Every structure is written in C-alpha cells, then in structure tokens.
Amino acid sequence: MLRTGDYFGERSLLTGAPRAASISALTQMEVVRLGCEEFLEFIQKYPHVRDNFDLVAYERHEQTKVARTTPETRDDIQGILTEIQMILNTN
C-alpha cells in the first residue's frame, strides 16, 4: 500500500528491467511520470538520493519474492481489507 508522496517503478528505472508490478488506486490521485532519461539526470544531479532508491528497490524486490512463496492467511487478507476500508473512510 502506497501513501501520499510514495513512488513506484524505481526498479525498472534503476535496472532497465521490465516492470514487475501493477498498481490500482483506491482513491483519486495525481501521478507524475518520470522517464528514464529524466530519472538518470535526477540521480546524477542528486547522487545521495540514489542510495534511497536502491534500498527501496531491493526491499520491494525481497518482499515480492517472499509474497510469491508465502500463501496469505485469512488474517492477512482481513488486515488488508481493513486497511483499505480505513483509507476509503478517511477520503
């Protein structure tokens, strides 16, 4: 679940690999699309930011590997549904 100010797609921008996930919005949102060239210019201009992108990309990749091999329990599903309902109720 992403929140205001979060980003996605960093792994593809960092590695050139095809995207690994899709997202769906629960509420209205604004999205800024950043192309590969713009992204590379940005991290060259602000190299200290690159470490954060690398860390997020690595953590998300690891979470995805675990998620694909670990079946969700009823509690997991209920927790996800509860969180979605809370988001919808606050917007």
PDB file of N, CA and C in Angstrom:
ATOM      1  N   MET A   1       0.856  -1.175   0.000  1.00  0.00           N
ATOM      2  CA  MET A   1       0.000   0.000   0.000  1.00  0.00           C
ATOM      3  C   MET A   1       0.897   1.231   0.000  1.00  0.00           C
ATOM      4  N   LEU A   2       0.671   2.083  -0.958  1.00  0.00           N
ATOM      5  CA  LEU A   2       1.436   3.318  -1.055  1.00  0.00           C
ATOM      6  C   LEU A   2       0.619   4.468  -0.501  1.00  0.00           C
ATOM      7  N   ARG A   3       1.306   5.436   0.004  1.00  0.00           N
ATOM      8  CA  ARG A   3       0.664   6.607   0.605  1.00  0.00           C
ATOM      9  C   ARG A   3       1.083   7.867  -0.153  1.00  0.00           C
ATOM     10  N   THR A   4       0.506   8.988   0.203  1.00  0.00           N
ATOM     11  CA  THR A   4       0.843  10.268  -0.397  1.00  0.00           C
ATOM     12  C   THR A   4       2.353  10.476  -0.378  1.00  0.00           C
ATOM     13  N   GLY A   5       2.907  10.818  -1.534  1.00  0.00           N
ATOM     14  CA  GLY A   5       4.340  11.068  -1.636  1.00  0.00           C
ATOM     15  C   GLY A   5       5.177   9.842  -1.959  1.00  0.00           C
ATOM     16  N   ASP A   6       4.580   8.655  -1.894  1.00  0.00           N
ATOM     17  CA  ASP A   6       5.320   7.434  -2.232  1.00  0.00           C
ATOM     18  C   ASP A   6       5.515   7.352  -3.742  1.00  0.00           C
ATOM     19  N   TYR A   7       6.387   6.474  -4.138  1.00  0.00           N
ATOM     20  CA  TYR A   7       6.659   6.286  -5.550  1.00  0.00           C
ATOM     21  C   TYR A   7       6.740   4.802  -5.869  1.00  0.00           C
ATOM     22  N   PHE A   8       6.703   4.492  -7.156  1.00  0.00           N
ATOM     23  CA  PHE A   8       6.821   3.112  -7.601  1.00  0.00           C
ATOM     24  C   PHE A   8       7.491   3.113  -8.963  1.00  0.00           C
ATOM     25  N   GLY A   9       7.985   1.963  -9.361  1.00  0.00           N
ATOM     26  CA  GLY A   9       8.634   1.836 -10.659  1.00  0.00           C
ATOM     27  C   GLY A   9      10.130   2.078 -10.631  1.00  0.00           C
ATOM     28  N   GLU A  10      10.669   2.254  -9.421  1.00  0.00           N
ATOM     29  CA  GLU A  10      12.090   2.576  -9.314  1.00  0.00           C
ATOM     30  C   GLU A  10      12.998   1.448  -9.793  1.00  0.00           C
ATOM     31  N   ARG A  11      12.585   0.217  -9.612  1.00  0.00           N
ATOM     32  CA  ARG A  11      13.436  -0.916 -10.006  1.00  0.00           C
ATOM     33  C   ARG A  11      13.664  -0.920 -11.522  1.00  0.00           C
ATOM     34  N   SER A  12      12.616  -0.690 -12.263  1.00  0.00           N
ATOM     35  CA  SER A  12      12.758  -0.638 -13.723  1.00  0.00           C
ATOM     36  C   SER A  12      13.664   0.506 -14.159  1.00  0.00           C
ATOM     37  N   LEU A  13      13.517   1.647 -13.506  1.00  0.00           N
ATOM     38  CA  LEU A  13      14.362   2.788 -13.855  1.00  0.00           C
ATOM     39  C   LEU A  13      15.822   2.536 -13.493  1.00  0.00           C
ATOM     40  N   LEU A  14      16.044   1.860 -12.364  1.00  0.00           N
ATOM     41  CA  LEU A  14      17.416   1.608 -11.922  1.00  0.00           C
ATOM     42  C   LEU A  14      18.103   0.516 -12.724  1.00  0.00           C
ATOM     43  N   THR A  15      17.345  -0.508 -13.118  1.00  0.00           N
ATOM     44  CA  THR A  15      17.965  -1.679 -13.746  1.00  0.00           C
ATOM     45  C   THR A  15      17.673  -1.808 -15.235  1.00  0.00           C
ATOM     46  N   GLY A  16      16.649  -1.123 -15.710  1.00  0.00           N
ATOM     47  CA  GLY A  16      16.243  -1.286 -17.100  1.00  0.00           C
ATOM     48  C   GLY A  16      15.373  -2.518 -17.313  1.00  0.00           C
ATOM     49  N   ALA A  17      15.083  -3.241 -16.231  1.00  0.00           N
ATOM     50  CA  ALA A  17      14.246  -4.439 -16.312  1.00  0.00           C
ATOM     51  C   ALA A  17      12.795  -4.041 -16.572  1.00  0.00           C
ATOM     52  N   PRO A  18      12.031  -4.955 -17.168  1.00  0.00           N
ATOM     53  CA  PRO A  18      10.602  -4.665 -17.341  1.00  0.00           C
ATOM     54  C   PRO A  18       9.939  -4.469 -15.975  1.00  0.00           C
ATOM     55  N   ARG A  19       8.856  -3.749 -15.974  1.00  0.00           N
ATOM     56  CA  ARG A  19       8.171  -3.525 -14.694  1.00  0.00           C
ATOM     57  C   ARG A  19       7.768  -4.848 -14.081  1.00  0.00           C
ATOM     58  N   ALA A  20       7.744  -4.867 -12.762  1.00  0.00           N
ATOM     59  CA  ALA A  20       7.476  -6.112 -12.049  1.00  0.00           C
ATOM     60  C   ALA A  20       6.110  -6.111 -11.370  1.00  0.00           C
ATOM     61  N   ALA A  21       5.406  -5.003 -11.420  1.00  0.00           N
ATOM     62  CA  ALA A  21       4.135  -4.931 -10.713  1.00  0.00           C
ATOM     63  C   ALA A  21       3.210  -3.933 -11.387  1.00  0.00           C
ATOM     64  N   SER A  22       1.958  -4.020 -11.023  1.00  0.00           N
ATOM     65  CA  SER A  22       0.947  -3.050 -11.427  1.00  0.00           C
ATOM     66  C   SER A  22       0.345  -2.474 -10.164  1.00  0.00           C
ATOM     67  N   ILE A  23      -0.227  -1.307 -10.270  1.00  0.00           N
ATOM     68  CA  ILE A  23      -0.888  -0.726  -9.118  1.00  0.00           C
ATOM     69  C   ILE A  23      -2.303  -0.326  -9.494  1.00  0.00           C
ATOM     70  N   SER A  24      -3.140  -0.226  -8.479  1.00  0.00           N
ATOM     71  CA  SER A  24      -4.503   0.264  -8.637  1.00  0.00           C
ATOM     72  C   SER A  24      -4.747   1.291  -7.550  1.00  0.00           C
ATOM     73  N   ALA A  25      -5.438   2.346  -7.888  1.00  0.00           N
ATOM     74  CA  ALA A  25      -5.738   3.403  -6.924  1.00  0.00           C
ATOM     75  C   ALA A  25      -7.077   3.133  -6.247  1.00  0.00           C
ATOM     76  N   LEU A  26      -7.097   3.329  -4.932  1.00  0.00           N
ATOM     77  CA  LEU A  26      -8.344   3.223  -4.180  1.00  0.00           C
ATOM     78  C   LEU A  26      -9.078   4.550  -4.142  1.00  0.00           C
ATOM     79  N   THR A  27      -8.336   5.625  -4.332  1.00  0.00           N
ATOM     80  CA  THR A  27      -8.901   6.968  -4.306  1.00  0.00           C
ATOM     81  C   THR A  27      -8.334   7.755  -5.486  1.00  0.00           C
ATOM     82  N   GLN A  28      -8.891   8.942  -5.707  1.00  0.00           N
ATOM     83  CA  GLN A  28      -8.374   9.793  -6.767  1.00  0.00           C
ATOM     84  C   GLN A  28      -6.939  10.185  -6.418  1.00  0.00           C
ATOM     85  N   MET A  29      -6.085  10.242  -7.427  1.00  0.00           N
ATOM     86  CA  MET A  29      -4.690  10.576  -7.176  1.00  0.00           C
ATOM     87  C   MET A  29      -4.103  11.322  -8.361  1.00  0.00           C
ATOM     88  N   GLU A  30      -2.999  11.994  -8.112  1.00  0.00           N
ATOM     89  CA  GLU A  30      -2.231  12.618  -9.171  1.00  0.00           C
ATOM     90  C   GLU A  30      -0.933  11.846  -9.293  1.00  0.00           C
ATOM     91  N   VAL A  31      -0.524  11.592 -10.521  1.00  0.00           N
ATOM     92  CA  VAL A  31       0.681  10.813 -10.784  1.00  0.00           C
ATOM     93  C   VAL A  31       1.609  11.634 -11.659  1.00  0.00           C
ATOM     94  N   VAL A  32       2.875  11.594 -11.337  1.00  0.00           N
ATOM     95  CA  VAL A  32       3.892  12.211 -12.167  1.00  0.00           C
ATOM     96  C   VAL A  32       4.689  11.084 -12.803  1.00  0.00           C
ATOM     97  N   ARG A  33       4.747  11.101 -14.101  1.00  0.00           N
ATOM     98  CA  ARG A  33       5.503  10.078 -14.825  1.00  0.00           C
ATOM     99  C   ARG A  33       6.887  10.625 -15.116  1.00  0.00           C
ATOM    100  N   LEU A  34       7.886   9.852 -14.752  1.00  0.00           N
ATOM    101  CA  LEU A  34       9.268  10.252 -14.940  1.00  0.00           C
ATOM    102  C   LEU A  34       9.935   9.255 -15.861  1.00  0.00           C
ATOM    103  N   GLY A  35      10.409   9.719 -16.992  1.00  0.00           N
ATOM    104  CA  GLY A  35      11.077   8.840 -17.936  1.00  0.00           C
ATOM    105  C   GLY A  35      12.482   8.488 -17.471  1.00  0.00           C
ATOM    106  N   CYS A  36      13.060   7.507 -18.123  1.00  0.00           N
ATOM    107  CA  CYS A  36      14.386   7.017 -17.761  1.00  0.00           C
ATOM    108  C   CYS A  36      15.442   8.120 -17.840  1.00  0.00           C
ATOM    109  N   GLU A  37      15.429   8.889 -18.905  1.00  0.00           N
ATOM    110  CA  GLU A  37      16.427   9.953 -19.050  1.00  0.00           C
ATOM    111  C   GLU A  37      16.316  10.981 -17.937  1.00  0.00           C
ATOM    112  N   GLU A  38      15.094  11.381 -17.616  1.00  0.00           N
ATOM    113  CA  GLU A  38      14.884  12.361 -16.542  1.00  0.00           C
ATOM    114  C   GLU A  38      15.324  11.792 -15.195  1.00  0.00           C
ATOM    115  N   PHE A  39      15.017  10.528 -14.981  1.00  0.00           N
ATOM    116  CA  PHE A  39      15.406   9.880 -13.726  1.00  0.00           C
ATOM    117  C   PHE A  39      16.925   9.829 -13.601  1.00  0.00           C
ATOM    118  N   LEU A  40      17.603   9.428 -14.662  1.00  0.00           N
ATOM    119  CA  LEU A  40      19.066   9.343 -14.618  1.00  0.00           C
ATOM    120  C   LEU A  40      19.694  10.718 -14.397  1.00  0.00           C
ATOM    121  N   GLU A  41      19.134  11.741 -15.039  1.00  0.00           N
ATOM    122  CA  GLU A  41      19.616  13.111 -14.802  1.00  0.00           C
ATOM    123  C   GLU A  41      19.429  13.497 -13.338  1.00  0.00           C
ATOM    124  N   PHE A  42      18.283  13.144 -12.780  1.00  0.00           N
ATOM    125  CA  PHE A  42      17.977  13.481 -11.393  1.00  0.00           C
ATOM    126  C   PHE A  42      18.969  12.828 -10.433  1.00  0.00           C
ATOM    127  N   ILE A  43      19.219  11.524 -10.588  1.00  0.00           N
ATOM    128  CA  ILE A  43      20.126  10.865  -9.640  1.00  0.00           C
ATOM    129  C   ILE A  43      21.589  11.253  -9.880  1.00  0.00           C
ATOM    130  N   GLN A  44      21.914  11.722 -11.084  1.00  0.00           N
ATOM    131  CA  GLN A  44      23.260  12.257 -11.308  1.00  0.00           C
ATOM    132  C   GLN A  44      23.407  13.613 -10.619  1.00  0.00           C
ATOM    133  N   LYS A  45      22.346  14.392 -10.654  1.00  0.00           N
ATOM    134  CA  LYS A  45      22.371  15.717 -10.020  1.00  0.00           C
ATOM    135  C   LYS A  45      22.338  15.592  -8.495  1.00  0.00           C
ATOM    136  N   TYR A  46      21.633  14.563  -7.987  1.00  0.00           N
ATOM    137  CA  TYR A  46      21.495  14.348  -6.544  1.00  0.00           C
ATOM    138  C   TYR A  46      21.902  12.915  -6.205  1.00  0.00           C
ATOM    139  N   PRO A  47      23.190  12.616  -6.253  1.00  0.00           N
ATOM    140  CA  PRO A  47      23.639  11.225  -6.072  1.00  0.00           C
ATOM    141  C   PRO A  47      23.293  10.631  -4.702  1.00  0.00           C
ATOM    142  N   HIS A  48      23.145  11.466  -3.686  1.00  0.00           N
ATOM    143  CA  HIS A  48      22.803  10.943  -2.358  1.00  0.00           C
ATOM    144  C   HIS A  48      21.408  10.308  -2.343  1.00  0.00           C
ATOM    145  N   VAL A  49      20.559  10.704  -3.267  1.00  0.00           N
ATOM    146  CA  VAL A  49      19.205  10.149  -3.347  1.00  0.00           C
ATOM    147  C   VAL A  49      19.241   8.732  -3.918  1.00  0.00           C
ATOM    148  N   ARG A  50      20.245   8.436  -4.709  1.00  0.00           N
ATOM    149  CA  ARG A  50      20.354   7.117  -5.356  1.00  0.00           C
ATOM    150  C   ARG A  50      20.351   5.988  -4.331  1.00  0.00           C
ATOM    151  N   ASP A  51      21.035   6.181  -3.214  1.00  0.00           N
ATOM    152  CA  ASP A  51      21.091   5.137  -2.187  1.00  0.00           C
ATOM    153  C   ASP A  51      19.697   4.772  -1.684  1.00  0.00           C
ATOM    154  N   ASN A  52      18.858   5.774  -1.507  1.00  0.00           N
ATOM    155  CA  ASN A  52      17.495   5.512  -1.037  1.00  0.00           C
ATOM    156  C   ASN A  52      16.706   4.735  -2.079  1.00  0.00           C
ATOM    157  N   PHE A  53      16.824   5.116  -3.347  1.00  0.00           N
ATOM    158  CA  PHE A  53      16.134   4.383  -4.411  1.00  0.00           C
ATOM    159  C   PHE A  53      16.615   2.932  -4.464  1.00  0.00           C
ATOM    160  N   ASP A  54      17.929   2.744  -4.351  1.00  0.00           N
ATOM    161  CA  ASP A  54      18.487   1.390  -4.362  1.00  0.00           C
ATOM    162  C   ASP A  54      17.928   0.554  -3.213  1.00  0.00           C
ATOM    163  N   LEU A  55      17.879   1.144  -2.027  1.00  0.00           N
ATOM    164  CA  LEU A  55      17.380   0.425  -0.847  1.00  0.00           C
ATOM    165  C   LEU A  55      15.909   0.059  -1.006  1.00  0.00           C
ATOM    166  N   VAL A  56      15.098   1.004  -1.439  1.00  0.00           N
ATOM    167  CA  VAL A  56      13.662   0.744  -1.638  1.00  0.00           C
ATOM    168  C   VAL A  56      13.465  -0.336  -2.694  1.00  0.00           C
ATOM    169  N   ALA A  57      14.196  -0.242  -3.795  1.00  0.00           N
ATOM    170  CA  ALA A  57      14.067  -1.239  -4.858  1.00  0.00           C
ATOM    171  C   ALA A  57      14.442  -2.627  -4.340  1.00  0.00           C
ATOM    172  N   TYR A  58      15.525  -2.715  -3.579  1.00  0.00           N
ATOM    173  CA  TYR A  58      15.955  -4.001  -3.023  1.00  0.00           C
ATOM    174  C   TYR A  58      14.904  -4.560  -2.060  1.00  0.00           C
ATOM    175  N   GLU A  59      14.417  -3.723  -1.138  1.00  0.00           N
ATOM    176  CA  GLU A  59      13.433  -4.185  -0.152  1.00  0.00           C
ATOM    177  C   GLU A  59      12.142  -4.644  -0.830  1.00  0.00           C
ATOM    178  N   ARG A  60      11.688  -3.911  -1.808  1.00  0.00           N
ATOM    179  CA  ARG A  60      10.460  -4.304  -2.512  1.00  0.00           C
ATOM    180  C   ARG A  60      10.664  -5.601  -3.286  1.00  0.00           C
ATOM    181  N   HIS A  61      11.835  -5.760  -3.868  1.00  0.00           N
ATOM    182  CA  HIS A  61      12.132  -6.996  -4.598  1.00  0.00           C
ATOM    183  C   HIS A  61      12.123  -8.180  -3.637  1.00  0.00           C
ATOM    184  N   GLU A  62      12.722  -8.022  -2.469  1.00  0.00           N
ATOM    185  CA  GLU A  62      12.743  -9.091  -1.467  1.00  0.00           C
ATOM    186  C   GLU A  62      11.332  -9.408  -0.965  1.00  0.00           C
ATOM    187  N   GLN A  63      10.538  -8.380  -0.722  1.00  0.00           N
ATOM    188  CA  GLN A  63       9.154  -8.589  -0.276  1.00  0.00           C
ATOM    189  C   GLN A  63       8.355  -9.331  -1.327  1.00  0.00           C
ATOM    190  N   THR A  64       8.580  -9.002  -2.581  1.00  0.00           N
ATOM    191  CA  THR A  64       7.871  -9.665  -3.671  1.00  0.00           C
ATOM    192  C   THR A  64       8.228 -11.137  -3.738  1.00  0.00           C
ATOM    193  N   LYS A  65       9.501 -11.459  -3.556  1.00  0.00           N
ATOM    194  CA  LYS A  65       9.913 -12.864  -3.564  1.00  0.00           C
ATOM    195  C   LYS A  65       9.229 -13.636  -2.449  1.00  0.00           C
ATOM    196  N   VAL A  66       9.160 -13.066  -1.265  1.00  0.00           N
ATOM    197  CA  VAL A  66       8.507 -13.721  -0.126  1.00  0.00           C
ATOM    198  C   VAL A  66       7.009 -13.846  -0.376  1.00  0.00           C
ATOM    199  N   ALA A  67       6.401 -12.783  -0.890  1.00  0.00           N
ATOM    200  CA  ALA A  67       4.955 -12.785  -1.125  1.00  0.00           C
ATOM    201  C   ALA A  67       4.559 -13.861  -2.130  1.00  0.00           C
ATOM    202  N   ARG A  68       5.412 -14.117  -3.092  1.00  0.00           N
ATOM    203  CA  ARG A  68       5.086 -15.115  -4.109  1.00  0.00           C
ATOM    204  C   ARG A  68       5.211 -16.539  -3.597  1.00  0.00           C
ATOM    205  N   THR A  69       5.934 -16.732  -2.512  1.00  0.00           N
ATOM    206  CA  THR A  69       6.145 -18.090  -1.993  1.00  0.00           C
ATOM    207  C   THR A  69       5.388 -18.351  -0.702  1.00  0.00           C
ATOM    208  N   THR A  70       4.793 -17.319  -0.124  1.00  0.00           N
ATOM    209  CA  THR A  70       4.077 -17.457   1.140  1.00  0.00           C
ATOM    210  C   THR A  70       2.591 -17.227   0.911  1.00  0.00           C
ATOM    211  N   PRO A  71       1.769 -18.262   1.119  1.00  0.00           N
ATOM    212  CA  PRO A  71       0.325 -18.051   0.935  1.00  0.00           C
ATOM    213  C   PRO A  71      -0.227 -17.097   1.992  1.00  0.00           C
ATOM    214  N   GLU A  72      -1.192 -16.293   1.589  1.00  0.00           N
ATOM    215  CA  GLU A  72      -1.826 -15.372   2.526  1.00  0.00           C
ATOM    216  C   GLU A  72      -2.800 -16.130   3.417  1.00  0.00           C
ATOM    217  N   THR A  73      -2.821 -15.745   4.684  1.00  0.00           N
ATOM    218  CA  THR A  73      -3.763 -16.337   5.622  1.00  0.00           C
ATOM    219  C   THR A  73      -5.033 -15.492   5.634  1.00  0.00           C
ATOM    220  N   ARG A  74      -6.072 -16.014   6.266  1.00  0.00           N
ATOM    221  CA  ARG A  74      -7.312 -15.234   6.414  1.00  0.00           C
ATOM    222  C   ARG A  74      -7.035 -13.936   7.166  1.00  0.00           C
ATOM    223  N   ASP A  75      -6.149 -13.999   8.185  1.00  0.00           N
ATOM    224  CA  ASP A  75      -5.801 -12.790   8.937  1.00  0.00           C
ATOM    225  C   ASP A  75      -5.106 -11.765   8.047  1.00  0.00           C
ATOM    226  N   ASP A  76      -4.207 -12.223   7.151  1.00  0.00           N
ATOM    227  CA  ASP A  76      -3.533 -11.319   6.218  1.00  0.00           C
ATOM    228  C   ASP A  76      -4.565 -10.609   5.342  1.00  0.00           C
ATOM    229  N   ILE A  77      -5.459 -11.386   4.786  1.00  0.00           N
ATOM    230  CA  ILE A  77      -6.481 -10.835   3.887  1.00  0.00           C
ATOM    231  C   ILE A  77      -7.383  -9.868   4.634  1.00  0.00           C
ATOM    232  N   GLN A  78      -7.803 -10.246   5.843  1.00  0.00           N
ATOM    233  CA  GLN A  78      -8.665  -9.362   6.631  1.00  0.00           C
ATOM    234  C   GLN A  78      -7.940  -8.067   6.977  1.00  0.00           C
ATOM    235  N   GLY A  79      -6.663  -8.150   7.301  1.00  0.00           N
ATOM    236  CA  GLY A  79      -5.883  -6.951   7.605  1.00  0.00           C
ATOM    237  C   GLY A  79      -5.795  -6.016   6.413  1.00  0.00           C
ATOM    238  N   ILE A  80      -5.594  -6.575   5.240  1.00  0.00           N
ATOM    239  CA  ILE A  80      -5.529  -5.773   4.016  1.00  0.00           C
ATOM    240  C   ILE A  80      -6.878  -5.109   3.753  1.00  0.00           C
ATOM    241  N   LEU A  81      -7.946  -5.869   3.882  1.00  0.00           N
ATOM    242  CA  LEU A  81      -9.282  -5.308   3.652  1.00  0.00           C
ATOM    243  C   LEU A  81      -9.614  -4.220   4.668  1.00  0.00           C
ATOM    244  N   THR A  82      -9.222  -4.418   5.916  1.00  0.00           N
ATOM    245  CA  THR A  82      -9.456  -3.407   6.956  1.00  0.00           C
ATOM    246  C   THR A  82      -8.690  -2.131   6.637  1.00  0.00           C
ATOM    247  N   GLU A  83      -7.448  -2.266   6.207  1.00  0.00           N
ATOM    248  CA  GLU A  83      -6.647  -1.086   5.865  1.00  0.00           C
ATOM    249  C   GLU A  83      -7.252  -0.343   4.682  1.00  0.00           C
ATOM    250  N   ILE A  84      -7.719  -1.065   3.684  1.00  0.00           N
ATOM    251  CA  ILE A  84      -8.368  -0.437   2.534  1.00  0.00           C
ATOM    252  C   ILE A  84      -9.623   0.309   2.976  1.00  0.00           C
ATOM    253  N   GLN A  85     -10.420  -0.321   3.835  1.00  0.00           N
ATOM    254  CA  GLN A  85     -11.634   0.325   4.308  1.00  0.00           C
ATOM    255  C   GLN A  85     -11.323   1.598   5.092  1.00  0.00           C
ATOM    256  N   MET A  86     -10.276   1.576   5.909  1.00  0.00           N
ATOM    257  CA  MET A  86      -9.883   2.767   6.660  1.00  0.00           C
ATOM    258  C   MET A  86      -9.479   3.892   5.714  1.00  0.00           C
ATOM    259  N   ILE A  87      -8.751   3.568   4.656  1.00  0.00           N
ATOM    260  CA  ILE A  87      -8.334   4.577   3.680  1.00  0.00           C
ATOM    261  C   ILE A  87      -9.558   5.180   2.996  1.00  0.00           C
ATOM    262  N   LEU A  88     -10.479   4.333   2.595  1.00  0.00           N
ATOM    263  CA  LEU A  88     -11.683   4.820   1.917  1.00  0.00           C
ATOM    264  C   LEU A  88     -12.539   5.673   2.836  1.00  0.00           C
ATOM    265  N   ASN A  89     -12.577   5.333   4.102  1.00  0.00           N
ATOM    266  CA  ASN A  89     -13.389   6.098   5.049  1.00  0.00           C
ATOM    267  C   ASN A  89     -12.786   7.472   5.382  1.00  0.00           C
ATOM    268  N   THR A  90     -11.473   7.616   5.230  1.00  0.00           N
ATOM    269  CA  THR A  90     -10.838   8.904   5.555  1.00  0.00           C
ATOM    270  C   THR A  90     -10.790   9.836   4.366  1.00  0.00           C
ATOM    271  N   ASN A  91     -11.132   9.348   3.198  1.00  0.00           N
ATOM    272  CA  ASN A  91     -11.062  10.215   1.998  1.00  0.00           C
ATOM    273  C   ASN A  91     -12.424  10.624   1.542  1.00  0.00           C
TER     274      ASN A  91
END
